[in-house]
Amino acid sequence: MKLSVIIPSYSRPDSLQRLLSELTRQAVDEAMEVLVVDDGSPTPLGGVVQKVAAHAPFRMWDERVPHAGPIAARNVGARYARGDYLLYLDDDIGVEPNFIQAHIDAHRQIGRGAVSALYVDCALLKPPSLRRWYDDRSQSWKETLRPHLRAAGTGIYRVPGQLLSSTNVSLRRHDFLAIGGFDEAYGVPSCEDMDLGIRLERAGVPIYRIETTQPRHIETRLNLPAICRRQRRGMTATVRLVRRFPEVFGTPAIERVNGPLHLRQDPLRLSLKKLVKSALGVGCVQPGVLFLAAVFGRLPLPSVFHDVVYDAIIGAHIQRGWREGLKLWGGVAPHSEDAPP
């Protein structure tokens, strides 16, 4: 087995150098190489890569491409890679010394499959109230995964295709190329990993999560406006995902909560929530709302008050993104076409 580690990166030299340095300390019993795909960073990342590569016990190099986003950069990496297996890593991930070997061992146990390690979020957020809210919501989301884990080996669990995570994922290069790689039509990172997982599973490639190593997702650029933007973009892309795979998602609950207002059908409580989120999501209102949230978040109040405010503001962006997706893609009723009307 030869493994190619592919890292798309854009203008994060410090995070990239830390990750590359951690990779040089991996204890691995197979041949490996590391490829950084510089996604058109204003300041090229080649110098960072070369600095670490000088002390790496394996081949490490970079390929610079025009800026097109991390999804496209991952696909470019597959074309340059020489390994039989690909391991994709985001540049804001931190890894333990056994990380690569844990992926290799998992493939030895399961045979054909795609493997992602369950990771822990380490978001460097301010104020503390926002960091606590983010940690709580991340943990709650991870708990929703538990019922879907099916033991398949020591620390290895089979999961549905839509639970594949591109923060770190390894699979055979042949399987990746056979289904066309990541779908670049999503544009920004959002649902492309779930899309890939579903297509892999359809092609006979099972999806697994492992707990034999624990990467860290170290987000250093995250704040409340960034979370709002991410959720808005993610919801727009989610509409496309749901339309592409209606047999997987049907009509999701998020459609009922964030879809258009139906006064005669929606319960009063739901109608009020939709109206409040619509008001908070108006473009001219958002700067003021975010400013007030920043002030409110620093007040020494019980956490429940902060949670209500953050949920409302971020929920407004979720609703706005979902409705924009409905307009762009034409709704979530089952359709065979992928393109906007």
C-alpha atoms as a PDB file:
ATOM      1  CA  MET A   1       0.000   0.000   0.000  1.00  0.00           C
ATOM      2  CA  LYS A   2       1.275   3.456  -0.912  1.00  0.00           C
ATOM      3  CA  LEU A   3      -0.610   6.365   0.599  1.00  0.00           C
ATOM      4  CA  SER A   4      -0.886   9.898  -0.796  1.00  0.00           C
ATOM      5  CA  VAL A   5      -1.891  12.535   1.755  1.00  0.00           C
ATOM      6  CA  ILE A   6      -3.540  15.462  -0.042  1.00  0.00           C
ATOM      7  CA  ILE A   7      -3.985  18.818   1.701  1.00  0.00           C
ATOM      8  CA  PRO A   8      -5.810  21.660  -0.060  1.00  0.00           C
ATOM      9  CA  SER A   9      -4.716  24.968   1.434  1.00  0.00           C
ATOM     10  CA  TYR A  10      -5.398  28.659   0.950  1.00  0.00           C
ATOM     11  CA  SER A  11      -3.512  31.390   2.822  1.00  0.00           C
ATOM     12  CA  ARG A  12      -3.095  29.579   6.124  1.00  0.00           C
ATOM     13  CA  PRO A  13       0.686  29.169   6.336  1.00  0.00           C
ATOM     14  CA  ASP A  14       0.817  28.790  10.122  1.00  0.00           C
ATOM     15  CA  SER A  15      -1.865  26.087  10.269  1.00  0.00           C
ATOM     16  CA  LEU A  16      -0.341  24.326   7.293  1.00  0.00           C
ATOM     17  CA  GLN A  17       3.164  24.312   8.773  1.00  0.00           C
ATOM     18  CA  ARG A  18       1.865  22.898  12.050  1.00  0.00           C
ATOM     19  CA  LEU A  19       0.007  20.093  10.259  1.00  0.00           C
ATOM     20  CA  LEU A  20       2.951  19.242   7.995  1.00  0.00           C
ATOM     21  CA  SER A  21       5.277  19.115  10.997  1.00  0.00           C
ATOM     22  CA  GLU A  22       2.898  16.744  12.764  1.00  0.00           C
ATOM     23  CA  LEU A  23       2.819  14.520   9.686  1.00  0.00           C
ATOM     24  CA  THR A  24       6.621  14.211   9.698  1.00  0.00           C
ATOM     25  CA  ARG A  25       6.352  12.620  13.145  1.00  0.00           C
ATOM     26  CA  GLN A  26       3.978   9.866  12.069  1.00  0.00           C
ATOM     27  CA  ALA A  27       4.919   6.268  12.813  1.00  0.00           C
ATOM     28  CA  VAL A  28       3.967   4.508   9.577  1.00  0.00           C
ATOM     29  CA  ASP A  29       4.855   1.049   8.262  1.00  0.00           C
ATOM     30  CA  GLU A  30       3.900   1.791   4.635  1.00  0.00           C
ATOM     31  CA  ALA A  31       5.231   4.128   1.955  1.00  0.00           C
ATOM     32  CA  MET A  32       3.603   7.563   1.922  1.00  0.00           C
ATOM     33  CA  GLU A  33       3.861  10.977   0.343  1.00  0.00           C
ATOM     34  CA  VAL A  34       2.329  14.373   1.160  1.00  0.00           C
ATOM     35  CA  LEU A  35       1.009  16.749  -1.489  1.00  0.00           C
ATOM     36  CA  VAL A  36      -0.144  20.284  -0.692  1.00  0.00           C
ATOM     37  CA  VAL A  37      -2.422  21.799  -3.324  1.00  0.00           C
ATOM     38  CA  ASP A  38      -1.947  25.565  -3.004  1.00  0.00           C
ATOM     39  CA  ASP A  39      -5.328  26.925  -4.050  1.00  0.00           C
ATOM     40  CA  GLY A  40      -3.961  30.141  -5.525  1.00  0.00           C
ATOM     41  CA  SER A  41      -2.943  31.725  -2.216  1.00  0.00           C
ATOM     42  CA  PRO A  42      -1.944  35.418  -2.667  1.00  0.00           C
ATOM     43  CA  THR A  43       1.375  34.518  -1.055  1.00  0.00           C
ATOM     44  CA  PRO A  44       2.477  31.118  -2.406  1.00  0.00           C
ATOM     45  CA  LEU A  45       2.754  28.352   0.173  1.00  0.00           C
ATOM     46  CA  GLY A  46       5.696  26.624  -1.500  1.00  0.00           C
ATOM     47  CA  GLY A  47       8.193  28.105   0.946  1.00  0.00           C
ATOM     48  CA  VAL A  48       6.306  26.652   3.932  1.00  0.00           C
ATOM     49  CA  VAL A  49       6.149  23.233   2.276  1.00  0.00           C
ATOM     50  CA  GLN A  50       9.823  23.225   1.320  1.00  0.00           C
ATOM     51  CA  LYS A  51      10.870  24.228   4.831  1.00  0.00           C
ATOM     52  CA  VAL A  52       9.160  21.189   6.372  1.00  0.00           C
ATOM     53  CA  ALA A  53       9.958  18.890   3.442  1.00  0.00           C
ATOM     54  CA  ALA A  54      13.679  19.345   4.095  1.00  0.00           C
ATOM     55  CA  HIS A  55      13.285  17.282   7.276  1.00  0.00           C
ATOM     56  CA  ALA A  56      10.496  14.926   6.180  1.00  0.00           C
ATOM     57  CA  PRO A  57      11.209  11.160   5.979  1.00  0.00           C
ATOM     58  CA  PHE A  58       9.044  10.912   2.847  1.00  0.00           C
ATOM     59  CA  ARG A  59       8.339  12.900  -0.288  1.00  0.00           C
ATOM     60  CA  MET A  60       6.532  16.182   0.374  1.00  0.00           C
ATOM     61  CA  TRP A  61       5.823  18.770  -2.307  1.00  0.00           C
ATOM     62  CA  ASP A  62       3.271  21.335  -3.444  1.00  0.00           C
ATOM     63  CA  GLU A  63       1.330  22.074  -6.603  1.00  0.00           C
ATOM     64  CA  ARG A  64       0.058  25.608  -7.091  1.00  0.00           C
ATOM     65  CA  VAL A  65      -3.216  25.996  -9.011  1.00  0.00           C
ATOM     66  CA  PRO A  66      -5.539  28.935  -9.796  1.00  0.00           C
ATOM     67  CA  HIS A  67      -7.903  29.733  -6.936  1.00  0.00           C
ATOM     68  CA  ALA A  68     -11.049  27.623  -7.317  1.00  0.00           C
ATOM     69  CA  GLY A  69     -11.817  26.509  -3.755  1.00  0.00           C
ATOM     70  CA  PRO A  70     -10.903  23.428  -1.710  1.00  0.00           C
ATOM     71  CA  ILE A  71     -13.324  21.080  -3.477  1.00  0.00           C
ATOM     72  CA  ALA A  72     -11.631  21.612  -6.828  1.00  0.00           C
ATOM     73  CA  ALA A  73      -8.208  21.496  -5.148  1.00  0.00           C
ATOM     74  CA  ARG A  74      -8.945  18.039  -3.755  1.00  0.00           C
ATOM     75  CA  ASN A  75      -9.769  16.752  -7.229  1.00  0.00           C
ATOM     76  CA  VAL A  76      -6.558  18.265  -8.607  1.00  0.00           C
ATOM     77  CA  GLY A  77      -4.612  16.491  -5.883  1.00  0.00           C
ATOM     78  CA  ALA A  78      -5.978  13.112  -6.963  1.00  0.00           C
ATOM     79  CA  ARG A  79      -4.589  13.673 -10.453  1.00  0.00           C
ATOM     80  CA  TYR A  80      -1.083  14.446  -9.151  1.00  0.00           C
ATOM     81  CA  ALA A  81      -1.005  11.778  -6.433  1.00  0.00           C
ATOM     82  CA  ARG A  82       0.956   8.572  -6.979  1.00  0.00           C
ATOM     83  CA  GLY A  83      -0.467   6.465  -4.168  1.00  0.00           C
ATOM     84  CA  ASP A  84      -2.870   3.565  -4.416  1.00  0.00           C
ATOM     85  CA  TYR A  85      -4.762   5.165  -1.532  1.00  0.00           C
ATOM     86  CA  LEU A  86      -5.661   8.832  -1.009  1.00  0.00           C
ATOM     87  CA  LEU A  87      -6.019  10.492   2.374  1.00  0.00           C
ATOM     88  CA  TYR A  88      -7.572  13.949   2.300  1.00  0.00           C
ATOM     89  CA  LEU A  89      -6.822  16.324   5.158  1.00  0.00           C
ATOM     90  CA  ASP A  90      -8.014  19.880   5.738  1.00  0.00           C
ATOM     91  CA  ASP A  91      -5.216  22.293   6.600  1.00  0.00           C
ATOM     92  CA  ASP A  92      -6.811  23.222   9.946  1.00  0.00           C
ATOM     93  CA  ILE A  93      -6.608  19.673  11.297  1.00  0.00           C
ATOM     94  CA  GLY A  94      -4.208  18.556  13.998  1.00  0.00           C
ATOM     95  CA  VAL A  95      -3.195  14.888  14.155  1.00  0.00           C
ATOM     96  CA  GLU A  96      -1.783  12.452  16.689  1.00  0.00           C
ATOM     97  CA  PRO A  97       1.395  10.443  15.897  1.00  0.00           C
ATOM     98  CA  ASN A  98      -0.709   7.350  15.131  1.00  0.00           C
ATOM     99  CA  PHE A  99      -3.102   9.116  12.760  1.00  0.00           C
ATOM    100  CA  ILE A 100      -1.823   7.766   9.423  1.00  0.00           C
ATOM    101  CA  GLN A 101      -1.251   4.274  10.814  1.00  0.00           C
ATOM    102  CA  ALA A 102      -4.808   4.218  12.221  1.00  0.00           C
ATOM    103  CA  HIS A 103      -6.159   4.832   8.723  1.00  0.00           C
ATOM    104  CA  ILE A 104      -3.888   2.138   7.270  1.00  0.00           C
ATOM    105  CA  ASP A 105      -4.857  -0.386   9.951  1.00  0.00           C
ATOM    106  CA  ALA A 106      -8.532   0.305   9.355  1.00  0.00           C
ATOM    107  CA  HIS A 107      -8.182  -0.439   5.645  1.00  0.00           C
ATOM    108  CA  ARG A 108      -6.384  -3.689   6.465  1.00  0.00           C
ATOM    109  CA  GLN A 109      -9.337  -4.740   8.583  1.00  0.00           C
ATOM    110  CA  ILE A 110     -12.217  -3.643   6.402  1.00  0.00           C
ATOM    111  CA  GLY A 111     -10.806  -4.138   2.914  1.00  0.00           C
ATOM    112  CA  ARG A 112     -12.563  -1.883   0.435  1.00  0.00           C
ATOM    113  CA  GLY A 113     -14.056   1.239   1.998  1.00  0.00           C
ATOM    114  CA  ALA A 114     -13.738   4.929   2.815  1.00  0.00           C
ATOM    115  CA  VAL A 115     -12.502   5.810   6.310  1.00  0.00           C
ATOM    116  CA  SER A 116     -12.902   8.992   8.359  1.00  0.00           C
ATOM    117  CA  ALA A 117     -11.680   9.459  11.927  1.00  0.00           C
ATOM    118  CA  LEU A 118     -14.076  10.988  14.435  1.00  0.00           C
ATOM    119  CA  TYR A 119     -12.598  14.373  15.315  1.00  0.00           C
ATOM    120  CA  VAL A 120     -12.877  16.849  18.172  1.00  0.00           C
ATOM    121  CA  ASP A 121     -13.643  20.531  17.555  1.00  0.00           C
ATOM    122  CA  CYS A 122     -11.138  23.058  18.894  1.00  0.00           C
ATOM    123  CA  ALA A 123     -12.616  26.367  17.747  1.00  0.00           C
ATOM    124  CA  LEU A 124     -10.758  29.416  19.085  1.00  0.00           C
ATOM    125  CA  LEU A 125     -13.842  31.577  19.584  1.00  0.00           C
ATOM    126  CA  LYS A 126     -14.527  34.764  21.514  1.00  0.00           C
ATOM    127  CA  PRO A 127     -16.359  35.706  23.666  1.00  0.00           C
ATOM    128  CA  PRO A 128     -16.481  32.673  25.977  1.00  0.00           C
ATOM    129  CA  SER A 129     -20.277  32.540  25.666  1.00  0.00           C
ATOM    130  CA  LEU A 130     -20.006  31.938  21.910  1.00  0.00           C
ATOM    131  CA  ARG A 131     -17.305  29.326  22.363  1.00  0.00           C
ATOM    132  CA  ARG A 132     -19.433  27.469  24.909  1.00  0.00           C
ATOM    133  CA  TRP A 133     -22.463  27.666  22.597  1.00  0.00           C
ATOM    134  CA  TYR A 134     -20.398  26.331  19.677  1.00  0.00           C
ATOM    135  CA  ASP A 135     -18.929  23.488  21.731  1.00  0.00           C
ATOM    136  CA  ASP A 136     -22.367  22.492  23.023  1.00  0.00           C
ATOM    137  CA  ARG A 137     -23.949  22.508  19.580  1.00  0.00           C
ATOM    138  CA  SER A 138     -21.037  20.568  18.062  1.00  0.00           C
ATOM    139  CA  GLN A 139     -21.279  17.946  20.777  1.00  0.00           C
ATOM    140  CA  SER A 140     -25.045  17.682  20.339  1.00  0.00           C
ATOM    141  CA  TRP A 141     -24.586  17.130  16.615  1.00  0.00           C
ATOM    142  CA  LYS A 142     -21.999  14.414  17.223  1.00  0.00           C
ATOM    143  CA  GLU A 143     -24.370  12.666  19.596  1.00  0.00           C
ATOM    144  CA  THR A 144     -26.866  12.371  16.739  1.00  0.00           C
ATOM    145  CA  LEU A 145     -24.281  10.204  14.940  1.00  0.00           C
ATOM    146  CA  ARG A 146     -24.153   7.579  17.675  1.00  0.00           C
ATOM    147  CA  PRO A 147     -27.321   5.682  16.693  1.00  0.00           C
ATOM    148  CA  HIS A 148     -25.927   5.267  13.172  1.00  0.00           C
ATOM    149  CA  LEU A 149     -22.627   3.621  14.209  1.00  0.00           C
ATOM    150  CA  ARG A 150     -22.454  -0.137  13.562  1.00  0.00           C
ATOM    151  CA  ALA A 151     -19.400  -1.946  14.944  1.00  0.00           C
ATOM    152  CA  ALA A 152     -17.220  -3.365  12.155  1.00  0.00           C
ATOM    153  CA  GLY A 153     -13.904  -3.965  13.943  1.00  0.00           C
ATOM    154  CA  THR A 154     -11.774  -2.638  16.782  1.00  0.00           C
ATOM    155  CA  GLY A 155     -12.696   1.038  16.985  1.00  0.00           C
ATOM    156  CA  ILE A 156     -14.245   0.873  13.507  1.00  0.00           C
ATOM    157  CA  TYR A 157     -17.896   1.597  12.728  1.00  0.00           C
ATOM    158  CA  ARG A 158     -19.934   1.299   9.558  1.00  0.00           C
ATOM    159  CA  VAL A 159     -22.040   4.411   8.877  1.00  0.00           C
ATOM    160  CA  PRO A 160     -24.444   5.555   6.149  1.00  0.00           C
ATOM    161  CA  GLY A 161     -22.823   7.226   3.167  1.00  0.00           C
ATOM    162  CA  GLN A 162     -24.091  10.690   4.076  1.00  0.00           C
ATOM    163  CA  LEU A 163     -21.971  10.615   7.250  1.00  0.00           C
ATOM    164  CA  LEU A 164     -18.653  10.669   5.389  1.00  0.00           C
ATOM    165  CA  SER A 165     -16.491  13.594   6.531  1.00  0.00           C
ATOM    166  CA  SER A 166     -13.948  15.287   4.278  1.00  0.00           C
ATOM    167  CA  THR A 167     -12.032  16.837   7.199  1.00  0.00           C
ATOM    168  CA  ASN A 168     -10.076  13.584   6.952  1.00  0.00           C
ATOM    169  CA  VAL A 169     -10.985  10.692   4.683  1.00  0.00           C
ATOM    170  CA  SER A 170      -8.979   7.881   3.087  1.00  0.00           C
ATOM    171  CA  LEU A 171      -9.977   5.556   0.265  1.00  0.00           C
ATOM    172  CA  ARG A 172      -8.625   3.769  -2.797  1.00  0.00           C
ATOM    173  CA  ARG A 173      -7.627   6.174  -5.547  1.00  0.00           C
ATOM    174  CA  HIS A 174      -9.370   3.934  -8.089  1.00  0.00           C
ATOM    175  CA  ASP A 175     -12.687   4.146  -6.214  1.00  0.00           C
ATOM    176  CA  PHE A 176     -12.399   7.932  -5.917  1.00  0.00           C
ATOM    177  CA  LEU A 177     -11.708   8.444  -9.616  1.00  0.00           C
ATOM    178  CA  ALA A 178     -14.298   5.878 -10.717  1.00  0.00           C
ATOM    179  CA  ILE A 179     -17.178   7.980  -9.357  1.00  0.00           C
ATOM    180  CA  GLY A 180     -15.746  11.296 -10.546  1.00  0.00           C
ATOM    181  CA  GLY A 181     -14.299  12.599  -7.272  1.00  0.00           C
ATOM    182  CA  PHE A 182     -15.850  15.464  -5.346  1.00  0.00           C
ATOM    183  CA  ASP A 183     -18.711  17.311  -7.005  1.00  0.00           C
ATOM    184  CA  GLU A 184     -17.359  20.810  -7.665  1.00  0.00           C
ATOM    185  CA  ALA A 185     -20.829  22.208  -8.406  1.00  0.00           C
ATOM    186  CA  TYR A 186     -21.316  22.774  -4.668  1.00  0.00           C
ATOM    187  CA  GLY A 187     -18.794  25.590  -4.978  1.00  0.00           C
ATOM    188  CA  VAL A 188     -17.983  26.188  -1.322  1.00  0.00           C
ATOM    189  CA  PRO A 189     -17.319  23.455   1.255  1.00  0.00           C
ATOM    190  CA  SER A 190     -20.687  22.302   2.498  1.00  0.00           C
ATOM    191  CA  CYS A 191     -22.303  19.039   1.401  1.00  0.00           C
ATOM    192  CA  GLU A 192     -19.693  17.724  -1.013  1.00  0.00           C
ATOM    193  CA  ASP A 193     -18.487  15.097   1.452  1.00  0.00           C
ATOM    194  CA  MET A 194     -22.000  13.731   2.066  1.00  0.00           C
ATOM    195  CA  ASP A 195     -22.550  13.682  -1.698  1.00  0.00           C
ATOM    196  CA  LEU A 196     -19.295  11.757  -2.187  1.00  0.00           C
ATOM    197  CA  GLY A 197     -20.197   9.267   0.565  1.00  0.00           C
ATOM    198  CA  ILE A 198     -23.600   8.501  -0.929  1.00  0.00           C
ATOM    199  CA  ARG A 199     -22.133   7.968  -4.400  1.00  0.00           C
ATOM    200  CA  LEU A 200     -19.353   5.774  -3.026  1.00  0.00           C
ATOM    201  CA  GLU A 201     -21.864   3.637  -1.159  1.00  0.00           C
ATOM    202  CA  ARG A 202     -23.952   3.279  -4.314  1.00  0.00           C
ATOM    203  CA  ALA A 203     -20.810   2.092  -6.097  1.00  0.00           C
ATOM    204  CA  GLY A 204     -20.262  -0.632  -3.490  1.00  0.00           C
ATOM    205  CA  VAL A 205     -17.733   1.245  -1.332  1.00  0.00           C
ATOM    206  CA  PRO A 206     -18.791   1.118   2.361  1.00  0.00           C
ATOM    207  CA  ILE A 207     -18.268   4.149   4.611  1.00  0.00           C
ATOM    208  CA  TYR A 208     -16.611   3.865   8.030  1.00  0.00           C
ATOM    209  CA  ARG A 209     -15.774   6.022  11.024  1.00  0.00           C
ATOM    210  CA  ILE A 210     -12.881   5.138  13.336  1.00  0.00           C
ATOM    211  CA  GLU A 211     -12.119   6.036  16.955  1.00  0.00           C
ATOM    212  CA  THR A 212      -8.581   4.628  17.061  1.00  0.00           C
ATOM    213  CA  THR A 213      -7.150   8.123  16.583  1.00  0.00           C
ATOM    214  CA  GLN A 214      -8.616  11.535  17.305  1.00  0.00           C
ATOM    215  CA  PRO A 215      -7.762  14.451  15.018  1.00  0.00           C
ATOM    216  CA  ARG A 216      -8.400  18.008  16.191  1.00  0.00           C
ATOM    217  CA  HIS A 217     -10.348  20.495  14.087  1.00  0.00           C
ATOM    218  CA  ILE A 218      -8.546  23.729  14.981  1.00  0.00           C
ATOM    219  CA  GLU A 219     -10.528  26.628  13.560  1.00  0.00           C
ATOM    220  CA  THR A 220      -8.747  29.958  14.035  1.00  0.00           C
ATOM    221  CA  ARG A 221     -10.832  32.211  11.768  1.00  0.00           C
ATOM    222  CA  LEU A 222     -14.238  31.543  13.216  1.00  0.00           C
ATOM    223  CA  ASN A 223     -16.492  34.202  14.761  1.00  0.00           C
ATOM    224  CA  LEU A 224     -20.228  34.858  14.833  1.00  0.00           C
ATOM    225  CA  PRO A 225     -20.428  36.499  11.364  1.00  0.00           C
ATOM    226  CA  ALA A 226     -18.348  33.646   9.891  1.00  0.00           C
ATOM    227  CA  ILE A 227     -20.622  31.032  11.489  1.00  0.00           C
ATOM    228  CA  CYS A 228     -23.648  32.832  10.027  1.00  0.00           C
ATOM    229  CA  ARG A 229     -22.120  32.935   6.547  1.00  0.00           C
ATOM    230  CA  ARG A 230     -21.146  29.268   6.734  1.00  0.00           C
ATOM    231  CA  GLN A 231     -24.617  28.188   7.787  1.00  0.00           C
ATOM    232  CA  ARG A 232     -26.260  30.271   5.093  1.00  0.00           C
ATOM    233  CA  ARG A 233     -24.069  28.842   2.331  1.00  0.00           C
ATOM    234  CA  GLY A 234     -24.407  25.352   3.739  1.00  0.00           C
ATOM    235  CA  MET A 235     -28.188  25.478   3.723  1.00  0.00           C
ATOM    236  CA  THR A 236     -28.267  26.674   0.108  1.00  0.00           C
ATOM    237  CA  ALA A 237     -26.111  23.703  -0.860  1.00  0.00           C
ATOM    238  CA  THR A 238     -28.198  21.327   1.275  1.00  0.00           C
ATOM    239  CA  VAL A 239     -31.218  21.963  -0.944  1.00  0.00           C
ATOM    240  CA  ARG A 240     -29.216  20.681  -3.902  1.00  0.00           C
ATOM    241  CA  LEU A 241     -28.061  17.636  -1.935  1.00  0.00           C
ATOM    242  CA  VAL A 242     -31.618  16.753  -0.918  1.00  0.00           C
ATOM    243  CA  ARG A 243     -32.833  17.144  -4.495  1.00  0.00           C
ATOM    244  CA  ARG A 244     -30.074  14.882  -5.812  1.00  0.00           C
ATOM    245  CA  PHE A 245     -30.791  12.086  -3.360  1.00  0.00           C
ATOM    246  CA  PRO A 246     -34.519  12.161  -2.515  1.00  0.00           C
ATOM    247  CA  GLU A 247     -34.479   8.459  -1.683  1.00  0.00           C
ATOM    248  CA  VAL A 248     -31.955   9.208   1.099  1.00  0.00           C
ATOM    249  CA  PHE A 249     -33.396  12.407   2.562  1.00  0.00           C
ATOM    250  CA  GLY A 250     -37.044  12.557   1.469  1.00  0.00           C
ATOM    251  CA  THR A 251     -38.490  15.869   2.630  1.00  0.00           C
ATOM    252  CA  PRO A 252     -36.273  16.728   5.614  1.00  0.00           C
ATOM    253  CA  ALA A 253     -37.541  18.313   8.807  1.00  0.00           C
ATOM    254  CA  ILE A 254     -35.469  21.391   8.028  1.00  0.00           C
ATOM    255  CA  GLU A 255     -37.845  22.133   5.148  1.00  0.00           C
ATOM    256  CA  ARG A 256     -40.808  22.360   7.518  1.00  0.00           C
ATOM    257  CA  VAL A 257     -38.917  24.605   9.941  1.00  0.00           C
ATOM    258  CA  ASN A 258     -37.266  26.922   7.410  1.00  0.00           C
ATOM    259  CA  GLY A 259     -39.410  26.698   4.303  1.00  0.00           C
ATOM    260  CA  PRO A 260     -41.902  29.350   3.214  1.00  0.00           C
ATOM    261  CA  LEU A 261     -44.467  30.598   5.721  1.00  0.00           C
ATOM    262  CA  HIS A 262     -47.857  28.855   5.489  1.00  0.00           C
ATOM    263  CA  LEU A 263     -50.175  30.665   7.886  1.00  0.00           C
ATOM    264  CA  ARG A 264     -53.063  28.255   7.371  1.00  0.00           C
ATOM    265  CA  GLN A 265     -50.923  25.142   7.787  1.00  0.00           C
ATOM    266  CA  ASP A 266     -48.140  26.067  10.216  1.00  0.00           C
ATOM    267  CA  PRO A 267     -48.846  26.042  13.961  1.00  0.00           C
ATOM    268  CA  LEU A 268     -48.808  29.503  15.528  1.00  0.00           C
ATOM    269  CA  ARG A 269     -45.495  28.881  17.344  1.00  0.00           C
ATOM    270  CA  LEU A 270     -43.794  27.803  14.112  1.00  0.00           C
ATOM    271  CA  SER A 271     -45.227  30.771  12.204  1.00  0.00           C
ATOM    272  CA  LEU A 272     -43.872  33.174  14.821  1.00  0.00           C
ATOM    273  CA  LYS A 273     -40.424  31.564  14.686  1.00  0.00           C
ATOM    274  CA  LYS A 274     -40.353  31.895  10.905  1.00  0.00           C
ATOM    275  CA  LEU A 275     -41.393  35.553  11.103  1.00  0.00           C
ATOM    276  CA  VAL A 276     -38.766  36.382  13.737  1.00  0.00           C
ATOM    277  CA  LYS A 277     -36.009  34.653  11.750  1.00  0.00           C
ATOM    278  CA  SER A 278     -37.135  36.410   8.575  1.00  0.00           C
ATOM    279  CA  ALA A 279     -36.884  39.781  10.339  1.00  0.00           C
ATOM    280  CA  LEU A 280     -33.431  39.005  11.762  1.00  0.00           C
ATOM    281  CA  GLY A 281     -32.226  37.807   8.354  1.00  0.00           C
ATOM    282  CA  VAL A 282     -32.982  41.028   6.465  1.00  0.00           C
ATOM    283  CA  GLY A 283     -29.754  42.297   4.931  1.00  0.00           C
ATOM    284  CA  CYS A 284     -29.951  45.863   6.249  1.00  0.00           C
ATOM    285  CA  VAL A 285     -30.725  44.615   9.766  1.00  0.00           C
ATOM    286  CA  GLN A 286     -27.899  42.092  10.074  1.00  0.00           C
ATOM    287  CA  PRO A 287     -24.982  44.464  10.902  1.00  0.00           C
ATOM    288  CA  GLY A 288     -26.929  45.930  13.809  1.00  0.00           C
ATOM    289  CA  VAL A 289     -28.053  42.515  15.024  1.00  0.00           C
ATOM    290  CA  LEU A 290     -24.491  41.167  14.960  1.00  0.00           C
ATOM    291  CA  PHE A 291     -23.189  44.248  16.807  1.00  0.00           C
ATOM    292  CA  LEU A 292     -25.804  43.873  19.537  1.00  0.00           C
ATOM    293  CA  ALA A 293     -25.062  40.154  19.775  1.00  0.00           C
ATOM    294  CA  ALA A 294     -21.354  40.905  20.267  1.00  0.00           C
ATOM    295  CA  VAL A 295     -22.188  43.257  23.145  1.00  0.00           C
ATOM    296  CA  PHE A 296     -24.800  40.933  24.640  1.00  0.00           C
ATOM    297  CA  GLY A 297     -22.441  37.958  24.447  1.00  0.00           C
ATOM    298  CA  ARG A 298     -20.024  39.633  26.845  1.00  0.00           C
ATOM    299  CA  LEU A 299     -22.607  40.313  29.529  1.00  0.00           C
ATOM    300  CA  PRO A 300     -22.377  38.043  32.625  1.00  0.00           C
ATOM    301  CA  LEU A 301     -25.732  36.362  32.078  1.00  0.00           C
ATOM    302  CA  PRO A 302     -26.898  32.755  32.494  1.00  0.00           C
ATOM    303  CA  SER A 303     -25.901  30.705  29.467  1.00  0.00           C
ATOM    304  CA  VAL A 304     -29.514  30.052  28.522  1.00  0.00           C
ATOM    305  CA  PHE A 305     -29.950  33.716  27.532  1.00  0.00           C
ATOM    306  CA  HIS A 306     -26.857  33.671  25.332  1.00  0.00           C
ATOM    307  CA  ASP A 307     -28.008  30.416  23.750  1.00  0.00           C
ATOM    308  CA  VAL A 308     -31.391  31.879  22.796  1.00  0.00           C
ATOM    309  CA  VAL A 309     -29.740  34.861  21.109  1.00  0.00           C
ATOM    310  CA  TYR A 310     -27.159  32.825  19.192  1.00  0.00           C
ATOM    311  CA  ASP A 311     -29.751  30.256  18.133  1.00  0.00           C
ATOM    312  CA  ALA A 312     -32.043  33.004  16.838  1.00  0.00           C
ATOM    313  CA  ILE A 313     -29.366  34.887  14.881  1.00  0.00           C
ATOM    314  CA  ILE A 314     -27.758  31.820  13.358  1.00  0.00           C
ATOM    315  CA  GLY A 315     -31.185  30.295  12.768  1.00  0.00           C
ATOM    316  CA  ALA A 316     -32.111  33.370  10.742  1.00  0.00           C
ATOM    317  CA  HIS A 317     -29.151  32.737   8.418  1.00  0.00           C
ATOM    318  CA  ILE A 318     -30.028  29.053   8.177  1.00  0.00           C
ATOM    319  CA  GLN A 319     -33.546  29.980   7.109  1.00  0.00           C
ATOM    320  CA  ARG A 320     -32.309  32.564   4.626  1.00  0.00           C
ATOM    321  CA  GLY A 321     -29.838  30.121   3.082  1.00  0.00           C
ATOM    322  CA  TRP A 322     -32.466  27.389   2.832  1.00  0.00           C
ATOM    323  CA  ARG A 323     -34.941  29.690   1.101  1.00  0.00           C
ATOM    324  CA  GLU A 324     -32.247  30.912  -1.277  1.00  0.00           C
ATOM    325  CA  GLY A 325     -31.555  27.287  -2.108  1.00  0.00           C
ATOM    326  CA  LEU A 326     -35.238  26.691  -2.805  1.00  0.00           C
ATOM    327  CA  LYS A 327     -35.236  29.596  -5.261  1.00  0.00           C
ATOM    328  CA  LEU A 328     -32.001  28.490  -6.888  1.00  0.00           C
ATOM    329  CA  TRP A 329     -32.711  24.779  -7.200  1.00  0.00           C
ATOM    330  CA  GLY A 330     -36.489  24.780  -7.432  1.00  0.00           C
ATOM    331  CA  GLY A 331     -37.568  23.142  -4.183  1.00  0.00           C
ATOM    332  CA  VAL A 332     -36.871  19.816  -2.508  1.00  0.00           C
ATOM    333  CA  ALA A 333     -39.484  17.662  -4.216  1.00  0.00           C
ATOM    334  CA  PRO A 334     -37.848  14.651  -5.945  1.00  0.00           C
ATOM    335  CA  HIS A 335     -36.256  15.648  -9.247  1.00  0.00           C
ATOM    336  CA  SER A 336     -33.693  13.930 -11.446  1.00  0.00           C
ATOM    337  CA  GLU A 337     -31.943  17.058 -12.743  1.00  0.00           C
ATOM    338  CA  ASP A 338     -29.158  18.757 -10.835  1.00  0.00           C
ATOM    339  CA  ALA A 339     -28.955  22.113 -12.560  1.00  0.00           C
ATOM    340  CA  PRO A 340     -30.927  25.196 -11.513  1.00  0.00           C
ATOM    341  CA  PRO A 341     -34.006  25.848 -13.677  1.00  0.00           C
END
